[in-house]
Amino acid sequence: MQPATAAGGLLILISVATLSFAAYALLRGGKGQRGGLGPISERGIHVIAGIRMLLIGIVSLVAGVYLLLG
């Protein structure tokens, strides 16, 4: 197995995990919880984190596919 293929496979696994955490944070995270960071509610914190994880997951998926096909 070539190093690029192994790295591509690892990036795809990372992206699947990241995208699943992002979906959970966006759909379920922070509902029914009180607290937060000042003006940002707990739900708002989960939305910000979910969007950030979603972007990282998409970049990892694209990079993994590029390494596998390249």
C-alpha atoms as a PDB file:
ATOM      1  CA  MET A   1       0.000   0.000   0.000  1.00  0.00           C
ATOM      2  CA  GLN A   2       1.364   3.367  -0.981  1.00  0.00           C
ATOM      3  CA  PRO A   3       1.626   6.144   1.629  1.00  0.00           C
ATOM      4  CA  ALA A   4      -0.766   8.387  -0.324  1.00  0.00           C
ATOM      5  CA  THR A   5      -3.409   5.649  -0.398  1.00  0.00           C
ATOM      6  CA  ALA A   6      -3.088   5.061   3.339  1.00  0.00           C
ATOM      7  CA  ALA A   7      -3.284   8.782   4.047  1.00  0.00           C
ATOM      8  CA  GLY A   8      -6.325   9.109   1.777  1.00  0.00           C
ATOM      9  CA  GLY A   9      -8.106   6.272   3.545  1.00  0.00           C
ATOM     10  CA  LEU A  10      -7.322   7.773   6.942  1.00  0.00           C
ATOM     11  CA  LEU A  11      -8.589  11.178   5.849  1.00  0.00           C
ATOM     12  CA  ILE A  12     -11.837   9.653   4.626  1.00  0.00           C
ATOM     13  CA  LEU A  13     -12.334   7.878   7.967  1.00  0.00           C
ATOM     14  CA  ILE A  14     -11.633  11.147   9.797  1.00  0.00           C
ATOM     15  CA  SER A  15     -14.093  12.984   7.573  1.00  0.00           C
ATOM     16  CA  VAL A  16     -16.870  10.447   8.222  1.00  0.00           C
ATOM     17  CA  ALA A  17     -16.391  10.795  11.977  1.00  0.00           C
ATOM     18  CA  THR A  18     -16.213  14.582  11.759  1.00  0.00           C
ATOM     19  CA  LEU A  19     -19.329  14.829   9.591  1.00  0.00           C
ATOM     20  CA  SER A  20     -21.303  12.609  11.971  1.00  0.00           C
ATOM     21  CA  PHE A  21     -20.298  14.746  14.978  1.00  0.00           C
ATOM     22  CA  ALA A  22     -21.182  17.875  12.994  1.00  0.00           C
ATOM     23  CA  ALA A  23     -24.624  16.500  12.139  1.00  0.00           C
ATOM     24  CA  TYR A  24     -25.249  15.674  15.795  1.00  0.00           C
ATOM     25  CA  ALA A  25     -24.120  19.123  16.942  1.00  0.00           C
ATOM     26  CA  LEU A  26     -26.302  20.861  14.380  1.00  0.00           C
ATOM     27  CA  LEU A  27     -29.404  18.719  14.869  1.00  0.00           C
ATOM     28  CA  ARG A  28     -29.418  17.824  18.567  1.00  0.00           C
ATOM     29  CA  GLY A  29     -26.668  19.693  20.392  1.00  0.00           C
ATOM     30  CA  GLY A  30     -27.621  22.142  23.104  1.00  0.00           C
ATOM     31  CA  LYS A  31     -31.377  21.575  22.992  1.00  0.00           C
ATOM     32  CA  GLY A  32     -32.969  21.772  26.409  1.00  0.00           C
ATOM     33  CA  GLN A  33     -29.779  22.960  28.116  1.00  0.00           C
ATOM     34  CA  ARG A  34     -29.272  26.181  29.973  1.00  0.00           C
ATOM     35  CA  GLY A  35     -26.105  28.203  30.170  1.00  0.00           C
ATOM     36  CA  GLY A  36     -23.646  29.358  27.589  1.00  0.00           C
ATOM     37  CA  LEU A  37     -20.957  31.964  27.160  1.00  0.00           C
ATOM     38  CA  GLY A  38     -22.417  35.332  27.969  1.00  0.00           C
ATOM     39  CA  PRO A  39     -24.709  36.416  25.127  1.00  0.00           C
ATOM     40  CA  ILE A  40     -24.229  33.141  23.202  1.00  0.00           C
ATOM     41  CA  SER A  41     -26.633  30.391  24.288  1.00  0.00           C
ATOM     42  CA  GLU A  42     -25.680  26.734  24.630  1.00  0.00           C
ATOM     43  CA  ARG A  43     -27.522  26.008  21.375  1.00  0.00           C
ATOM     44  CA  GLY A  44     -25.591  28.795  19.645  1.00  0.00           C
ATOM     45  CA  ILE A  45     -22.296  27.306  20.763  1.00  0.00           C
ATOM     46  CA  HIS A  46     -23.294  23.939  19.302  1.00  0.00           C
ATOM     47  CA  VAL A  47     -24.322  25.544  16.004  1.00  0.00           C
ATOM     48  CA  ILE A  48     -20.970  27.343  15.718  1.00  0.00           C
ATOM     49  CA  ALA A  49     -19.085  24.141  16.557  1.00  0.00           C
ATOM     50  CA  GLY A  50     -21.232  22.115  14.142  1.00  0.00           C
ATOM     51  CA  ILE A  51     -20.553  24.474  11.246  1.00  0.00           C
ATOM     52  CA  ARG A  52     -16.835  24.422  11.992  1.00  0.00           C
ATOM     53  CA  MET A  53     -16.798  20.609  12.140  1.00  0.00           C
ATOM     54  CA  LEU A  54     -18.839  20.437   8.940  1.00  0.00           C
ATOM     55  CA  LEU A  55     -16.268  22.542   7.079  1.00  0.00           C
ATOM     56  CA  ILE A  56     -13.365  20.483   8.428  1.00  0.00           C
ATOM     57  CA  GLY A  57     -15.163  17.258   7.464  1.00  0.00           C
ATOM     58  CA  ILE A  58     -15.778  18.450   3.913  1.00  0.00           C
ATOM     59  CA  VAL A  59     -12.146  19.522   3.493  1.00  0.00           C
ATOM     60  CA  SER A  60     -10.947  16.169   4.875  1.00  0.00           C
ATOM     61  CA  LEU A  61     -13.270  14.259   2.553  1.00  0.00           C
ATOM     62  CA  VAL A  62     -12.101  16.187  -0.511  1.00  0.00           C
ATOM     63  CA  ALA A  63      -8.440  15.740   0.452  1.00  0.00           C
ATOM     64  CA  GLY A  64      -8.936  12.010   1.089  1.00  0.00           C
ATOM     65  CA  VAL A  65     -10.649  11.457  -2.247  1.00  0.00           C
ATOM     66  CA  TYR A  66      -7.918  13.454  -3.988  1.00  0.00           C
ATOM     67  CA  LEU A  67      -5.208  11.307  -2.412  1.00  0.00           C
ATOM     68  CA  LEU A  68      -7.009   8.083  -3.267  1.00  0.00           C
ATOM     69  CA  LEU A  69      -7.661   9.016  -6.879  1.00  0.00           C
ATOM     70  CA  GLY A  70      -4.434  10.953  -7.474  1.00  0.00           C
END
